[in-house]
Amino acid sequence: AVIGKSTDEKQMIVKGLPPSQLTTFVEVIGIADGQNSISADK
């Protein structure tokens, strides 16, 4: 899981298998599985 700050300055949790190297900013596409979390597949 990746803990991140959304563009509205609020915390967001992204579950899944991120690439081994992440840059500071990442776009994720997936299914919203909660009020503040996404299950990402891309």
PDB file of all heavy atoms in Angstrom:
ATOM      1  N   ALA A   1       0.856  -1.193   0.000  1.00  0.00           N
ATOM      2  CA  ALA A   1       0.000   0.000   0.000  1.00  0.00           C
ATOM      3  C   ALA A   1       0.890   1.242   0.000  1.00  0.00           C
ATOM      4  O   ALA A   1       1.988   1.234   0.552  1.00  0.00           O
ATOM      5  CB  ALA A   1      -0.921   0.014   1.208  1.00  0.00           C
ATOM      6  N   VAL A   2       0.385   2.271  -0.635  1.00  0.00           N
ATOM      7  CA  VAL A   2       1.084   3.553  -0.657  1.00  0.00           C
ATOM      8  C   VAL A   2       0.190   4.569   0.038  1.00  0.00           C
ATOM      9  O   VAL A   2      -0.998   4.679  -0.264  1.00  0.00           O
ATOM     10  CB  VAL A   2       1.376   3.991  -2.109  1.00  0.00           C
ATOM     11  CG1 VAL A   2       1.906   5.412  -2.152  1.00  0.00           C
ATOM     12  CG2 VAL A   2       2.353   3.029  -2.773  1.00  0.00           C
ATOM     13  N   ILE A   3       0.772   5.274   0.988  1.00  0.00           N
ATOM     14  CA  ILE A   3       0.089   6.373   1.659  1.00  0.00           C
ATOM     15  C   ILE A   3       0.508   7.627   0.912  1.00  0.00           C
ATOM     16  O   ILE A   3       1.703   7.872   0.704  1.00  0.00           O
ATOM     17  CB  ILE A   3       0.497   6.509   3.141  1.00  0.00           C
ATOM     18  CG1 ILE A   3       0.350   5.178   3.882  1.00  0.00           C
ATOM     19  CG2 ILE A   3      -0.290   7.629   3.810  1.00  0.00           C
ATOM     20  CD1 ILE A   3      -1.024   4.606   3.916  1.00  0.00           C
ATOM     21  N   GLY A   4      -0.474   8.401   0.505  1.00  0.00           N
ATOM     22  CA  GLY A   4      -0.152   9.599  -0.251  1.00  0.00           C
ATOM     23  C   GLY A   4      -1.038  10.762   0.113  1.00  0.00           C
ATOM     24  O   GLY A   4      -2.008  10.628   0.859  1.00  0.00           O
ATOM     25  N   LYS A   5      -0.670  11.903  -0.434  1.00  0.00           N
ATOM     26  CA  LYS A   5      -1.452  13.124  -0.244  1.00  0.00           C
ATOM     27  C   LYS A   5      -2.111  13.435  -1.574  1.00  0.00           C
ATOM     28  O   LYS A   5      -1.446  13.560  -2.604  1.00  0.00           O
ATOM     29  CB  LYS A   5      -0.546  14.267   0.202  1.00  0.00           C
ATOM     30  CG  LYS A   5      -1.292  15.543   0.508  1.00  0.00           C
ATOM     31  CD  LYS A   5      -0.448  16.571   1.224  1.00  0.00           C
ATOM     32  CE  LYS A   5       0.757  17.009   0.447  1.00  0.00           C
ATOM     33  NZ  LYS A   5       1.443  18.163   1.016  1.00  0.00           N
ATOM     34  N   SER A   6      -3.430  13.519  -1.545  1.00  0.00           N
ATOM     35  CA  SER A   6      -4.201  13.837  -2.735  1.00  0.00           C
ATOM     36  C   SER A   6      -3.976  15.298  -3.121  1.00  0.00           C
ATOM     37  O   SER A   6      -3.427  16.083  -2.348  1.00  0.00           O
ATOM     38  CB  SER A   6      -5.679  13.576  -2.441  1.00  0.00           C
ATOM     39  OG  SER A   6      -6.482  13.955  -3.524  1.00  0.00           O
ATOM     40  N   THR A   7      -4.444  15.655  -4.302  1.00  0.00           N
ATOM     41  CA  THR A   7      -4.263  17.031  -4.772  1.00  0.00           C
ATOM     42  C   THR A   7      -5.079  18.039  -3.975  1.00  0.00           C
ATOM     43  O   THR A   7      -4.867  19.241  -4.110  1.00  0.00           O
ATOM     44  CB  THR A   7      -4.616  17.137  -6.270  1.00  0.00           C
ATOM     45  OG1 THR A   7      -5.950  16.662  -6.468  1.00  0.00           O
ATOM     46  CG2 THR A   7      -3.649  16.328  -7.109  1.00  0.00           C
ATOM     47  N   ASP A   8      -5.998  17.559  -3.128  1.00  0.00           N
ATOM     48  CA  ASP A   8      -6.737  18.462  -2.239  1.00  0.00           C
ATOM     49  C   ASP A   8      -6.153  18.444  -0.822  1.00  0.00           C
ATOM     50  O   ASP A   8      -6.809  18.852   0.129  1.00  0.00           O
ATOM     51  CB  ASP A   8      -8.226  18.141  -2.219  1.00  0.00           C
ATOM     52  CG  ASP A   8      -8.530  16.725  -1.772  1.00  0.00           C
ATOM     53  OD1 ASP A   8      -7.593  15.948  -1.506  1.00  0.00           O
ATOM     54  OD2 ASP A   8      -9.724  16.375  -1.700  1.00  0.00           O
ATOM     55  N   GLU A   9      -4.911  17.949  -0.716  1.00  0.00           N
ATOM     56  CA  GLU A   9      -4.142  17.971   0.539  1.00  0.00           C
ATOM     57  C   GLU A   9      -4.623  16.972   1.586  1.00  0.00           C
ATOM     58  O   GLU A   9      -4.217  17.039   2.732  1.00  0.00           O
ATOM     59  CB  GLU A   9      -4.113  19.383   1.162  1.00  0.00           C
ATOM     60  CG  GLU A   9      -3.543  20.450   0.261  1.00  0.00           C
ATOM     61  CD  GLU A   9      -2.049  20.307   0.058  1.00  0.00           C
ATOM     62  OE1 GLU A   9      -1.330  19.963   1.012  1.00  0.00           O
ATOM     63  OE2 GLU A   9      -1.595  20.530  -1.085  1.00  0.00           O
ATOM     64  N   LYS A  10      -5.501  16.034   1.214  1.00  0.00           N
ATOM     65  CA  LYS A  10      -5.993  15.033   2.160  1.00  0.00           C
ATOM     66  C   LYS A  10      -5.325  13.697   1.903  1.00  0.00           C
ATOM     67  O   LYS A  10      -4.886  13.411   0.799  1.00  0.00           O
ATOM     68  CB  LYS A  10      -7.518  14.909   2.045  1.00  0.00           C
ATOM     69  CG  LYS A  10      -8.217  16.197   2.417  1.00  0.00           C
ATOM     70  CD  LYS A  10      -9.696  16.096   2.262  1.00  0.00           C
ATOM     71  CE  LYS A  10     -10.319  17.435   2.652  1.00  0.00           C
ATOM     72  NZ  LYS A  10     -11.642  17.593   2.134  1.00  0.00           N
ATOM     73  N   GLN A  11      -5.277  12.877   2.940  1.00  0.00           N
ATOM     74  CA  GLN A  11      -4.614  11.570   2.834  1.00  0.00           C
ATOM     75  C   GLN A  11      -5.432  10.594   2.002  1.00  0.00           C
ATOM     76  O   GLN A  11      -6.653  10.552   2.087  1.00  0.00           O
ATOM     77  CB  GLN A  11      -4.388  10.976   4.216  1.00  0.00           C
ATOM     78  CG  GLN A  11      -3.665   9.639   4.166  1.00  0.00           C
ATOM     79  CD  GLN A  11      -3.325   9.116   5.534  1.00  0.00           C
ATOM     80  OE1 GLN A  11      -2.496   9.700   6.216  1.00  0.00           O
ATOM     81  NE2 GLN A  11      -3.950   8.034   5.943  1.00  0.00           N
ATOM     82  N   MET A  12      -4.715   9.793   1.208  1.00  0.00           N
ATOM     83  CA  MET A  12      -5.334   8.755   0.408  1.00  0.00           C
ATOM     84  C   MET A  12      -4.452   7.513   0.499  1.00  0.00           C
ATOM     85  O   MET A  12      -3.228   7.625   0.525  1.00  0.00           O
ATOM     86  CB  MET A  12      -5.468   9.211  -1.052  1.00  0.00           C
ATOM     87  CG  MET A  12      -6.310   8.310  -1.915  1.00  0.00           C
ATOM     88  SD  MET A  12      -6.442   8.904  -3.626  1.00  0.00           S
ATOM     89  CE  MET A  12      -7.541  10.298  -3.443  1.00  0.00           C
ATOM     90  N   ILE A  13      -5.085   6.347   0.579  1.00  0.00           N
ATOM     91  CA  ILE A  13      -4.360   5.080   0.627  1.00  0.00           C
ATOM     92  C   ILE A  13      -4.598   4.359  -0.693  1.00  0.00           C
ATOM     93  O   ILE A  13      -5.744   4.230  -1.129  1.00  0.00           O
ATOM     94  CB  ILE A  13      -4.855   4.207   1.793  1.00  0.00           C
ATOM     95  CG1 ILE A  13      -4.647   4.936   3.122  1.00  0.00           C
ATOM     96  CG2 ILE A  13      -4.171   2.849   1.799  1.00  0.00           C
ATOM     97  CD1 ILE A  13      -5.416   4.340   4.282  1.00  0.00           C
ATOM     98  N   VAL A  14      -3.515   3.899  -1.305  1.00  0.00           N
ATOM     99  CA  VAL A  14      -3.629   3.169  -2.561  1.00  0.00           C
ATOM    100  C   VAL A  14      -3.066   1.778  -2.340  1.00  0.00           C
ATOM    101  O   VAL A  14      -1.900   1.610  -1.990  1.00  0.00           O
ATOM    102  CB  VAL A  14      -2.887   3.884  -3.708  1.00  0.00           C
ATOM    103  CG1 VAL A  14      -3.099   3.132  -5.013  1.00  0.00           C
ATOM    104  CG2 VAL A  14      -3.360   5.331  -3.838  1.00  0.00           C
ATOM    105  N   LYS A  15      -3.931   0.773  -2.525  1.00  0.00           N
ATOM    106  CA  LYS A  15      -3.545  -0.623  -2.340  1.00  0.00           C
ATOM    107  C   LYS A  15      -3.192  -1.230  -3.683  1.00  0.00           C
ATOM    108  O   LYS A  15      -3.687  -0.795  -4.715  1.00  0.00           O
ATOM    109  CB  LYS A  15      -4.695  -1.402  -1.706  1.00  0.00           C
ATOM    110  CG  LYS A  15      -5.167  -0.834  -0.384  1.00  0.00           C
ATOM    111  CD  LYS A  15      -6.464  -1.482   0.038  1.00  0.00           C
ATOM    112  CE  LYS A  15      -7.077  -0.739   1.215  1.00  0.00           C
ATOM    113  NZ  LYS A  15      -8.440  -1.179   1.484  1.00  0.00           N
ATOM    114  N   GLY A  16      -2.363  -2.259  -3.632  1.00  0.00           N
ATOM    115  CA  GLY A  16      -1.957  -2.922  -4.859  1.00  0.00           C
ATOM    116  C   GLY A  16      -0.456  -3.104  -4.897  1.00  0.00           C
ATOM    117  O   GLY A  16       0.223  -2.928  -3.888  1.00  0.00           O
ATOM    118  N   LEU A  17       0.042  -3.436  -6.059  1.00  0.00           N
ATOM    119  CA  LEU A  17       1.476  -3.658  -6.236  1.00  0.00           C
ATOM    120  C   LEU A  17       2.075  -2.523  -7.055  1.00  0.00           C
ATOM    121  O   LEU A  17       2.050  -2.565  -8.289  1.00  0.00           O
ATOM    122  CB  LEU A  17       1.721  -5.004  -6.924  1.00  0.00           C
ATOM    123  CG  LEU A  17       1.277  -6.227  -6.121  1.00  0.00           C
ATOM    124  CD1 LEU A  17       1.389  -7.486  -6.960  1.00  0.00           C
ATOM    125  CD2 LEU A  17       2.094  -6.356  -4.851  1.00  0.00           C
ATOM    126  N   PRO A  18       2.629  -1.526  -6.381  1.00  0.00           N
ATOM    127  CA  PRO A  18       3.225  -0.408  -7.118  1.00  0.00           C
ATOM    128  C   PRO A  18       4.512  -0.845  -7.800  1.00  0.00           C
ATOM    129  O   PRO A  18       5.124  -1.844  -7.414  1.00  0.00           O
ATOM    130  CB  PRO A  18       3.504   0.622  -6.027  1.00  0.00           C
ATOM    131  CG  PRO A  18       3.658  -0.176  -4.780  1.00  0.00           C
ATOM    132  CD  PRO A  18       2.756  -1.365  -4.939  1.00  0.00           C
ATOM    133  N   PRO A  19       4.951  -0.102  -8.813  1.00  0.00           N
ATOM    134  CA  PRO A  19       6.250  -0.396  -9.416  1.00  0.00           C
ATOM    135  C   PRO A  19       7.359  -0.260  -8.374  1.00  0.00           C
ATOM    136  O   PRO A  19       7.182   0.411  -7.355  1.00  0.00           O
ATOM    137  CB  PRO A  19       6.396   0.648 -10.518  1.00  0.00           C
ATOM    138  CG  PRO A  19       5.240   1.560 -10.427  1.00  0.00           C
ATOM    139  CD  PRO A  19       4.300   1.050  -9.387  1.00  0.00           C
ATOM    140  N   SER A  20       8.478  -0.879  -8.626  1.00  0.00           N
ATOM    141  CA  SER A  20       9.568  -0.855  -7.647  1.00  0.00           C
ATOM    142  C   SER A  20      10.092   0.556  -7.400  1.00  0.00           C
ATOM    143  O   SER A  20      10.509   0.876  -6.294  1.00  0.00           O
ATOM    144  CB  SER A  20      10.706  -1.778  -8.083  1.00  0.00           C
ATOM    145  OG  SER A  20      11.197  -1.378  -9.344  1.00  0.00           O
ATOM    146  N   GLN A  21      10.079   1.388  -8.413  1.00  0.00           N
ATOM    147  CA  GLN A  21      10.530   2.768  -8.264  1.00  0.00           C
ATOM    148  C   GLN A  21       9.355   3.708  -8.487  1.00  0.00           C
ATOM    149  O   GLN A  21       8.759   3.706  -9.555  1.00  0.00           O
ATOM    150  CB  GLN A  21      11.630   3.090  -9.288  1.00  0.00           C
ATOM    151  CG  GLN A  21      12.900   2.281  -9.107  1.00  0.00           C
ATOM    152  CD  GLN A  21      13.610   2.636  -7.817  1.00  0.00           C
ATOM    153  OE1 GLN A  21      13.711   3.802  -7.448  1.00  0.00           O
ATOM    154  NE2 GLN A  21      14.095   1.632  -7.121  1.00  0.00           N
ATOM    155  N   LEU A  22       9.007   4.494  -7.479  1.00  0.00           N
ATOM    156  CA  LEU A  22       7.953   5.484  -7.603  1.00  0.00           C
ATOM    157  C   LEU A  22       8.546   6.879  -7.574  1.00  0.00           C
ATOM    158  O   LEU A  22       9.451   7.161  -6.787  1.00  0.00           O
ATOM    159  CB  LEU A  22       6.946   5.364  -6.453  1.00  0.00           C
ATOM    160  CG  LEU A  22       6.049   4.140  -6.431  1.00  0.00           C
ATOM    161  CD1 LEU A  22       5.206   4.118  -5.155  1.00  0.00           C
ATOM    162  CD2 LEU A  22       5.144   4.123  -7.651  1.00  0.00           C
ATOM    163  N   THR A  23       8.020   7.754  -8.420  1.00  0.00           N
ATOM    164  CA  THR A  23       8.415   9.153  -8.357  1.00  0.00           C
ATOM    165  C   THR A  23       7.580   9.833  -7.270  1.00  0.00           C
ATOM    166  O   THR A  23       6.708   9.208  -6.663  1.00  0.00           O
ATOM    167  CB  THR A  23       8.197   9.845  -9.722  1.00  0.00           C
ATOM    168  OG1 THR A  23       6.833   9.723 -10.113  1.00  0.00           O
ATOM    169  CG2 THR A  23       9.110   9.250 -10.788  1.00  0.00           C
ATOM    170  N   THR A  24       7.823  11.089  -7.032  1.00  0.00           N
ATOM    171  CA  THR A  24       7.101  11.819  -5.994  1.00  0.00           C
ATOM    172  C   THR A  24       5.601  11.853  -6.271  1.00  0.00           C
ATOM    173  O   THR A  24       4.790  11.693  -5.360  1.00  0.00           O
ATOM    174  CB  THR A  24       7.646  13.255  -5.880  1.00  0.00           C
ATOM    175  OG1 THR A  24       9.053  13.187  -5.613  1.00  0.00           O
ATOM    176  CG2 THR A  24       6.963  14.030  -4.769  1.00  0.00           C
ATOM    177  N   PHE A  25       5.228  12.037  -7.541  1.00  0.00           N
ATOM    178  CA  PHE A  25       3.820  12.082  -7.927  1.00  0.00           C
ATOM    179  C   PHE A  25       3.489  10.894  -8.813  1.00  0.00           C
ATOM    180  O   PHE A  25       4.241  10.569  -9.730  1.00  0.00           O
ATOM    181  CB  PHE A  25       3.487  13.397  -8.638  1.00  0.00           C
ATOM    182  CG  PHE A  25       3.619  14.591  -7.744  1.00  0.00           C
ATOM    183  CD1 PHE A  25       4.797  15.326  -7.704  1.00  0.00           C
ATOM    184  CD2 PHE A  25       2.582  14.961  -6.902  1.00  0.00           C
ATOM    185  CE1 PHE A  25       4.931  16.415  -6.865  1.00  0.00           C
ATOM    186  CE2 PHE A  25       2.710  16.048  -6.052  1.00  0.00           C
ATOM    187  CZ  PHE A  25       3.880  16.771  -6.033  1.00  0.00           C
ATOM    188  N   VAL A  26       2.346  10.260  -8.518  1.00  0.00           N
ATOM    189  CA  VAL A  26       1.932   9.051  -9.225  1.00  0.00           C
ATOM    190  C   VAL A  26       0.446   9.146  -9.539  1.00  0.00           C
ATOM    191  O   VAL A  26      -0.343   9.551  -8.683  1.00  0.00           O
ATOM    192  CB  VAL A  26       2.183   7.794  -8.350  1.00  0.00           C
ATOM    193  CG1 VAL A  26       1.706   6.536  -9.037  1.00  0.00           C
ATOM    194  CG2 VAL A  26       3.644   7.682  -7.976  1.00  0.00           C
ATOM    195  N   GLU A  27       0.092   8.768 -10.775  1.00  0.00           N
ATOM    196  CA  GLU A  27      -1.326   8.614 -11.090  1.00  0.00           C
ATOM    197  C   GLU A  27      -1.685   7.155 -10.905  1.00  0.00           C
ATOM    198  O   GLU A  27      -0.943   6.264 -11.337  1.00  0.00           O
ATOM    199  CB  GLU A  27      -1.641   9.019 -12.528  1.00  0.00           C
ATOM    200  CG  GLU A  27      -3.124   8.854 -12.836  1.00  0.00           C
ATOM    201  CD  GLU A  27      -3.483   9.063 -14.288  1.00  0.00           C
ATOM    202  OE1 GLU A  27      -2.861   8.409 -15.157  1.00  0.00           O
ATOM    203  OE2 GLU A  27      -4.388   9.864 -14.549  1.00  0.00           O
ATOM    204  N   VAL A  28      -2.816   6.909 -10.271  1.00  0.00           N
ATOM    205  CA  VAL A  28      -3.304   5.548 -10.089  1.00  0.00           C
ATOM    206  C   VAL A  28      -4.700   5.441 -10.692  1.00  0.00           C
ATOM    207  O   VAL A  28      -5.484   6.385 -10.638  1.00  0.00           O
ATOM    208  CB  VAL A  28      -3.326   5.117  -8.607  1.00  0.00           C
ATOM    209  CG1 VAL A  28      -1.918   5.040  -8.053  1.00  0.00           C
ATOM    210  CG2 VAL A  28      -4.176   6.042  -7.766  1.00  0.00           C
ATOM    211  N   ILE A  29      -4.975   4.284 -11.282  1.00  0.00           N
ATOM    212  CA  ILE A  29      -6.300   3.976 -11.808  1.00  0.00           C
ATOM    213  C   ILE A  29      -6.707   2.656 -11.188  1.00  0.00           C
ATOM    214  O   ILE A  29      -5.929   1.698 -11.178  1.00  0.00           O
ATOM    215  CB  ILE A  29      -6.297   3.883 -13.343  1.00  0.00           C
ATOM    216  CG1 ILE A  29      -5.868   5.216 -13.960  1.00  0.00           C
ATOM    217  CG2 ILE A  29      -7.685   3.461 -13.854  1.00  0.00           C
ATOM    218  CD1 ILE A  29      -5.716   5.190 -15.467  1.00  0.00           C
ATOM    219  N   GLY A  30      -7.919   2.620 -10.652  1.00  0.00           N
ATOM    220  CA  GLY A  30      -8.400   1.406 -10.014  1.00  0.00           C
ATOM    221  C   GLY A  30      -9.811   1.586  -9.496  1.00  0.00           C
ATOM    222  O   GLY A  30     -10.519   2.510  -9.898  1.00  0.00           O
ATOM    223  N   ILE A  31     -10.191   0.737  -8.576  1.00  0.00           N
ATOM    224  CA  ILE A  31     -11.535   0.759  -8.017  1.00  0.00           C
ATOM    225  C   ILE A  31     -11.508   1.442  -6.648  1.00  0.00           C
ATOM    226  O   ILE A  31     -10.705   1.070  -5.793  1.00  0.00           O
ATOM    227  CB  ILE A  31     -12.101  -0.676  -7.872  1.00  0.00           C
ATOM    228  CG1 ILE A  31     -12.095  -1.392  -9.223  1.00  0.00           C
ATOM    229  CG2 ILE A  31     -13.502  -0.651  -7.256  1.00  0.00           C
ATOM    230  CD1 ILE A  31     -12.952  -0.750 -10.300  1.00  0.00           C
ATOM    231  N   ALA A  32     -12.380   2.429  -6.476  1.00  0.00           N
ATOM    232  CA  ALA A  32     -12.518   3.077  -5.163  1.00  0.00           C
ATOM    233  C   ALA A  32     -13.117   2.040  -4.219  1.00  0.00           C
ATOM    234  O   ALA A  32     -14.205   1.535  -4.458  1.00  0.00           O
ATOM    235  CB  ALA A  32     -13.424   4.297  -5.264  1.00  0.00           C
ATOM    236  N   ASP A  33     -12.373   1.692  -3.174  1.00  0.00           N
ATOM    237  CA  ASP A  33     -12.877   0.655  -2.272  1.00  0.00           C
ATOM    238  C   ASP A  33     -13.167   1.178  -0.873  1.00  0.00           C
ATOM    239  O   ASP A  33     -13.372   0.405   0.048  1.00  0.00           O
ATOM    240  CB  ASP A  33     -11.946  -0.560  -2.238  1.00  0.00           C
ATOM    241  CG  ASP A  33     -10.574  -0.266  -1.689  1.00  0.00           C
ATOM    242  OD1 ASP A  33     -10.295   0.888  -1.316  1.00  0.00           O
ATOM    243  OD2 ASP A  33      -9.759  -1.196  -1.625  1.00  0.00           O
ATOM    244  N   GLY A  34     -13.198   2.485  -0.730  1.00  0.00           N
ATOM    245  CA  GLY A  34     -13.520   3.088   0.559  1.00  0.00           C
ATOM    246  C   GLY A  34     -13.522   4.595   0.436  1.00  0.00           C
ATOM    247  O   GLY A  34     -13.266   5.152  -0.634  1.00  0.00           O
ATOM    248  N   GLN A  35     -13.804   5.268   1.537  1.00  0.00           N
ATOM    249  CA  GLN A  35     -13.867   6.729   1.554  1.00  0.00           C
ATOM    250  C   GLN A  35     -12.526   7.385   1.221  1.00  0.00           C
ATOM    251  O   GLN A  35     -12.496   8.497   0.715  1.00  0.00           O
ATOM    252  CB  GLN A  35     -14.346   7.218   2.925  1.00  0.00           C
ATOM    253  CG  GLN A  35     -15.782   6.872   3.228  1.00  0.00           C
ATOM    254  CD  GLN A  35     -16.765   7.594   2.308  1.00  0.00           C
ATOM    255  OE1 GLN A  35     -16.619   8.769   2.005  1.00  0.00           O
ATOM    256  NE2 GLN A  35     -17.770   6.875   1.857  1.00  0.00           N
ATOM    257  N   ASN A  36     -11.432   6.670   1.530  1.00  0.00           N
ATOM    258  CA  ASN A  36     -10.120   7.272   1.246  1.00  0.00           C
ATOM    259  C   ASN A  36      -9.141   6.268   0.647  1.00  0.00           C
ATOM    260  O   ASN A  36      -7.938   6.434   0.783  1.00  0.00           O
ATOM    261  CB  ASN A  36      -9.529   7.914   2.504  1.00  0.00           C
ATOM    262  CG  ASN A  36      -9.066   6.889   3.514  1.00  0.00           C
ATOM    263  OD1 ASN A  36      -9.510   5.739   3.520  1.00  0.00           O
ATOM    264  ND2 ASN A  36      -8.158   7.294   4.378  1.00  0.00           N
ATOM    265  N   SER A  37      -9.658   5.226  -0.016  1.00  0.00           N
ATOM    266  CA  SER A  37      -8.716   4.242  -0.571  1.00  0.00           C
ATOM    267  C   SER A  37      -9.132   3.746  -1.953  1.00  0.00           C
ATOM    268  O   SER A  37     -10.311   3.687  -2.291  1.00  0.00           O
ATOM    269  CB  SER A  37      -8.538   3.063   0.377  1.00  0.00           C
ATOM    270  OG  SER A  37      -9.734   2.328   0.502  1.00  0.00           O
ATOM    271  N   ILE A  38      -8.104   3.405  -2.712  1.00  0.00           N
ATOM    272  CA  ILE A  38      -8.254   2.880  -4.072  1.00  0.00           C
ATOM    273  C   ILE A  38      -7.482   1.576  -4.153  1.00  0.00           C
ATOM    274  O   ILE A  38      -6.355   1.476  -3.667  1.00  0.00           O
ATOM    275  CB  ILE A  38      -7.687   3.864  -5.117  1.00  0.00           C
ATOM    276  CG1 ILE A  38      -8.450   5.186  -5.094  1.00  0.00           C
ATOM    277  CG2 ILE A  38      -7.702   3.250  -6.522  1.00  0.00           C
ATOM    278  CD1 ILE A  38      -7.831   6.269  -5.965  1.00  0.00           C
ATOM    279  N   SER A  39      -8.076   0.593  -4.803  1.00  0.00           N
ATOM    280  CA  SER A  39      -7.390  -0.651  -5.127  1.00  0.00           C
ATOM    281  C   SER A  39      -6.905  -0.484  -6.565  1.00  0.00           C
ATOM    282  O   SER A  39      -7.700  -0.558  -7.509  1.00  0.00           O
ATOM    283  CB  SER A  39      -8.385  -1.805  -5.030  1.00  0.00           C
ATOM    284  OG  SER A  39      -7.804  -2.925  -4.519  1.00  0.00           O
ATOM    285  N   ALA A  40      -5.625  -0.185  -6.734  1.00  0.00           N
ATOM    286  CA  ALA A  40      -5.102   0.215  -8.041  1.00  0.00           C
ATOM    287  C   ALA A  40      -4.661  -0.975  -8.876  1.00  0.00           C
ATOM    288  O   ALA A  40      -4.069  -1.922  -8.368  1.00  0.00           O
ATOM    289  CB  ALA A  40      -3.929   1.169  -7.860  1.00  0.00           C
ATOM    290  N   ASP A  41      -4.951  -0.887 -10.174  1.00  0.00           N
ATOM    291  CA  ASP A  41      -4.421  -1.881 -11.099  1.00  0.00           C
ATOM    292  C   ASP A  41      -3.481  -1.252 -12.120  1.00  0.00           C
ATOM    293  O   ASP A  41      -2.807  -1.940 -12.862  1.00  0.00           O
ATOM    294  CB  ASP A  41      -5.536  -2.673 -11.791  1.00  0.00           C
ATOM    295  CG  ASP A  41      -6.556  -1.804 -12.492  1.00  0.00           C
ATOM    296  OD1 ASP A  41      -6.268  -0.639 -12.768  1.00  0.00           O
ATOM    297  OD2 ASP A  41      -7.650  -2.317 -12.773  1.00  0.00           O
ATOM    298  N   LYS A  42      -3.411   0.087 -12.131  1.00  0.00           N
ATOM    299  CA  LYS A  42      -2.481   0.767 -13.025  1.00  0.00           C
ATOM    300  C   LYS A  42      -1.813   1.916 -12.269  1.00  0.00           C
ATOM    301  O   LYS A  42      -2.475   2.709 -11.607  1.00  0.00           O
ATOM    302  CB  LYS A  42      -3.213   1.295 -14.257  1.00  0.00           C
ATOM    303  CG  LYS A  42      -2.284   1.920 -15.253  1.00  0.00           C
ATOM    304  CD  LYS A  42      -2.940   2.179 -16.577  1.00  0.00           C
ATOM    305  CE  LYS A  42      -1.881   2.703 -17.531  1.00  0.00           C
ATOM    306  NZ  LYS A  42      -2.427   3.084 -18.807  1.00  0.00           N
TER     307      LYS A  42
END
